[in-house]
Amino acid sequence: MRKTLKFLAVVAAMTAIATTWTMAQAAPAAGAERKVSARVAPVYPELAKRMHIHGIVRIEAIVRPNGTVKSTRVLGGNPVLVDAAQEAVGKWKFEPTQAETTEPVQLTFDGQ
């Protein structure tokens, strides 16, 4: 009986810790994940078309409170596709908020 109670106490404690940790991981960062109100599709670079280059470009966009993109920074992707991705994201519009936010963006170039 004692072993069962100890076991149940340990399970309850582990569940409480796991729940707290999961909720902390699932919560978005302050201001993150603003909705995009207007997207501009990237222009597929001619060189990428000729070389059959495709892939994903990850961009970090600094978005002003009014929803316009202040700046972008490349987080990863093929260098042939990066300029087109940055140019497109720079023209995006996000929903307005009270403060400037940093938004992760991922663009997929699929060999159009």
C-alpha atoms as a PDB file:
ATOM      1  CA  MET A   1       0.000   0.000   0.000  1.00  0.00           C
ATOM      2  CA  ARG A   2       2.818   2.399   0.903  1.00  0.00           C
ATOM      3  CA  LYS A   3       4.635   1.684  -2.334  1.00  0.00           C
ATOM      4  CA  THR A   4       1.451   2.387  -4.279  1.00  0.00           C
ATOM      5  CA  LEU A   5       0.950   5.726  -2.530  1.00  0.00           C
ATOM      6  CA  LYS A   6       4.567   6.725  -3.159  1.00  0.00           C
ATOM      7  CA  PHE A   7       4.225   5.705  -6.781  1.00  0.00           C
ATOM      8  CA  LEU A   8       1.022   7.741  -7.187  1.00  0.00           C
ATOM      9  CA  ALA A   9       2.643  10.767  -5.538  1.00  0.00           C
ATOM     10  CA  VAL A  10       5.622  10.535  -7.892  1.00  0.00           C
ATOM     11  CA  VAL A  11       3.320  10.174 -10.925  1.00  0.00           C
ATOM     12  CA  ALA A  12       1.241  13.167  -9.799  1.00  0.00           C
ATOM     13  CA  ALA A  13       4.371  15.283  -9.321  1.00  0.00           C
ATOM     14  CA  MET A  14       5.767  14.263 -12.713  1.00  0.00           C
ATOM     15  CA  THR A  15       2.441  15.042 -14.373  1.00  0.00           C
ATOM     16  CA  ALA A  16       2.342  18.492 -12.777  1.00  0.00           C
ATOM     17  CA  ILE A  17       5.911  19.237 -13.903  1.00  0.00           C
ATOM     18  CA  ALA A  18       5.273  17.944 -17.433  1.00  0.00           C
ATOM     19  CA  THR A  19       2.073  19.977 -17.747  1.00  0.00           C
ATOM     20  CA  THR A  20       3.799  23.161 -16.598  1.00  0.00           C
ATOM     21  CA  TRP A  21       6.723  22.580 -18.955  1.00  0.00           C
ATOM     22  CA  THR A  22       4.417  21.806 -21.903  1.00  0.00           C
ATOM     23  CA  MET A  23       2.334  24.921 -21.319  1.00  0.00           C
ATOM     24  CA  ALA A  24       5.483  27.055 -21.165  1.00  0.00           C
ATOM     25  CA  GLN A  25       6.740  25.551 -24.422  1.00  0.00           C
ATOM     26  CA  ALA A  26       3.396  25.979 -26.196  1.00  0.00           C
ATOM     27  CA  ALA A  27       2.926  29.616 -25.228  1.00  0.00           C
ATOM     28  CA  PRO A  28       4.002  31.918 -28.061  1.00  0.00           C
ATOM     29  CA  ALA A  29       6.611  34.551 -27.327  1.00  0.00           C
ATOM     30  CA  ALA A  30       5.231  37.979 -26.527  1.00  0.00           C
ATOM     31  CA  GLY A  31       3.987  39.505 -29.760  1.00  0.00           C
ATOM     32  CA  ALA A  32       5.006  36.521 -31.892  1.00  0.00           C
ATOM     33  CA  GLU A  33       2.804  34.975 -34.550  1.00  0.00           C
ATOM     34  CA  ARG A  34       1.042  38.084 -35.788  1.00  0.00           C
ATOM     35  CA  LYS A  35      -1.330  37.288 -38.605  1.00  0.00           C
ATOM     36  CA  VAL A  36      -0.330  38.350 -42.093  1.00  0.00           C
ATOM     37  CA  SER A  37      -2.960  40.615 -43.642  1.00  0.00           C
ATOM     38  CA  ALA A  38      -1.320  40.940 -47.090  1.00  0.00           C
ATOM     39  CA  ARG A  39       1.280  38.624 -48.629  1.00  0.00           C
ATOM     40  CA  VAL A  40       3.415  39.275 -51.677  1.00  0.00           C
ATOM     41  CA  ALA A  41       4.574  36.118 -53.447  1.00  0.00           C
ATOM     42  CA  PRO A  42       8.309  35.970 -54.145  1.00  0.00           C
ATOM     43  CA  VAL A  43       9.483  36.198 -57.733  1.00  0.00           C
ATOM     44  CA  TYR A  44      11.169  32.906 -58.575  1.00  0.00           C
ATOM     45  CA  PRO A  45      14.734  33.828 -59.631  1.00  0.00           C
ATOM     46  CA  GLU A  46      15.579  33.007 -63.248  1.00  0.00           C
ATOM     47  CA  LEU A  47      18.844  31.352 -62.201  1.00  0.00           C
ATOM     48  CA  ALA A  48      16.951  29.103 -59.793  1.00  0.00           C
ATOM     49  CA  LYS A  49      14.563  28.110 -62.594  1.00  0.00           C
ATOM     50  CA  ARG A  50      17.410  27.256 -64.962  1.00  0.00           C
ATOM     51  CA  MET A  51      19.265  25.284 -62.290  1.00  0.00           C
ATOM     52  CA  HIS A  52      16.082  23.604 -60.974  1.00  0.00           C
ATOM     53  CA  ILE A  53      16.770  24.945 -57.484  1.00  0.00           C
ATOM     54  CA  HIS A  54      14.003  24.627 -54.916  1.00  0.00           C
ATOM     55  CA  GLY A  55      13.817  24.729 -51.155  1.00  0.00           C
ATOM     56  CA  ILE A  56      12.797  26.672 -48.086  1.00  0.00           C
ATOM     57  CA  VAL A  57      14.038  30.086 -46.996  1.00  0.00           C
ATOM     58  CA  ARG A  58      13.582  31.113 -43.375  1.00  0.00           C
ATOM     59  CA  ILE A  59      13.375  34.831 -42.627  1.00  0.00           C
ATOM     60  CA  GLU A  60      13.033  36.815 -39.429  1.00  0.00           C
ATOM     61  CA  ALA A  61      10.948  39.953 -39.966  1.00  0.00           C
ATOM     62  CA  ILE A  62      10.927  42.923 -37.594  1.00  0.00           C
ATOM     63  CA  VAL A  63       7.386  44.297 -37.844  1.00  0.00           C
ATOM     64  CA  ARG A  64       6.393  47.803 -36.776  1.00  0.00           C
ATOM     65  CA  PRO A  65       3.275  48.338 -34.639  1.00  0.00           C
ATOM     66  CA  ASN A  66       1.348  49.496 -37.743  1.00  0.00           C
ATOM     67  CA  GLY A  67       2.026  46.141 -39.454  1.00  0.00           C
ATOM     68  CA  THR A  68       4.672  47.154 -41.995  1.00  0.00           C
ATOM     69  CA  VAL A  69       7.979  45.305 -42.158  1.00  0.00           C
ATOM     70  CA  LYS A  70      10.867  47.350 -40.761  1.00  0.00           C
ATOM     71  CA  SER A  71      13.657  44.908 -41.622  1.00  0.00           C
ATOM     72  CA  THR A  72      14.388  41.291 -42.436  1.00  0.00           C
ATOM     73  CA  ARG A  73      17.169  38.884 -41.583  1.00  0.00           C
ATOM     74  CA  VAL A  74      17.897  35.565 -43.273  1.00  0.00           C
ATOM     75  CA  LEU A  75      17.913  32.580 -40.921  1.00  0.00           C
ATOM     76  CA  GLY A  76      18.564  29.941 -43.563  1.00  0.00           C
ATOM     77  CA  GLY A  77      18.032  28.819 -47.118  1.00  0.00           C
ATOM     78  CA  ASN A  78      19.648  28.564 -50.514  1.00  0.00           C
ATOM     79  CA  PRO A  79      21.583  31.760 -51.343  1.00  0.00           C
ATOM     80  CA  VAL A  80      20.059  31.812 -54.840  1.00  0.00           C
ATOM     81  CA  LEU A  81      16.566  32.117 -53.310  1.00  0.00           C
ATOM     82  CA  VAL A  82      17.330  34.414 -50.364  1.00  0.00           C
ATOM     83  CA  ASP A  83      17.096  37.803 -52.130  1.00  0.00           C
ATOM     84  CA  ALA A  84      13.702  37.003 -53.657  1.00  0.00           C
ATOM     85  CA  ALA A  85      12.394  35.855 -50.266  1.00  0.00           C
ATOM     86  CA  GLN A  86      13.642  38.960 -48.446  1.00  0.00           C
ATOM     87  CA  GLU A  87      12.209  41.269 -51.093  1.00  0.00           C
ATOM     88  CA  ALA A  88       8.780  39.610 -50.910  1.00  0.00           C
ATOM     89  CA  VAL A  89       8.581  39.539 -47.100  1.00  0.00           C
ATOM     90  CA  GLY A  90       9.642  43.182 -46.977  1.00  0.00           C
ATOM     91  CA  LYS A  91       6.380  44.025 -48.782  1.00  0.00           C
ATOM     92  CA  TRP A  92       4.122  41.999 -46.493  1.00  0.00           C
ATOM     93  CA  LYS A  93       1.608  43.634 -44.148  1.00  0.00           C
ATOM     94  CA  PHE A  94       0.777  42.238 -40.708  1.00  0.00           C
ATOM     95  CA  GLU A  95      -2.100  42.995 -38.370  1.00  0.00           C
ATOM     96  CA  PRO A  96      -1.458  46.087 -36.199  1.00  0.00           C
ATOM     97  CA  THR A  97      -0.447  45.663 -32.549  1.00  0.00           C
ATOM     98  CA  GLN A  98       0.743  47.843 -29.681  1.00  0.00           C
ATOM     99  CA  ALA A  99       4.456  47.092 -30.110  1.00  0.00           C
ATOM    100  CA  GLU A 100       7.113  46.110 -32.601  1.00  0.00           C
ATOM    101  CA  THR A 101       7.470  42.334 -32.936  1.00  0.00           C
ATOM    102  CA  THR A 102       9.826  39.806 -34.465  1.00  0.00           C
ATOM    103  CA  GLU A 103       8.074  37.306 -36.713  1.00  0.00           C
ATOM    104  CA  PRO A 104       9.508  34.082 -38.117  1.00  0.00           C
ATOM    105  CA  VAL A 105       8.588  33.511 -41.764  1.00  0.00           C
ATOM    106  CA  GLN A 106       9.170  30.485 -43.953  1.00  0.00           C
ATOM    107  CA  LEU A 107       8.847  30.632 -47.742  1.00  0.00           C
ATOM    108  CA  THR A 108       8.862  27.532 -49.940  1.00  0.00           C
ATOM    109  CA  PHE A 109      10.209  27.667 -53.466  1.00  0.00           C
ATOM    110  CA  ASP A 110       8.986  24.545 -55.239  1.00  0.00           C
ATOM    111  CA  GLY A 111      10.453  24.851 -58.715  1.00  0.00           C
ATOM    112  CA  GLN A 112       7.526  26.651 -60.354  1.00  0.00           C
END
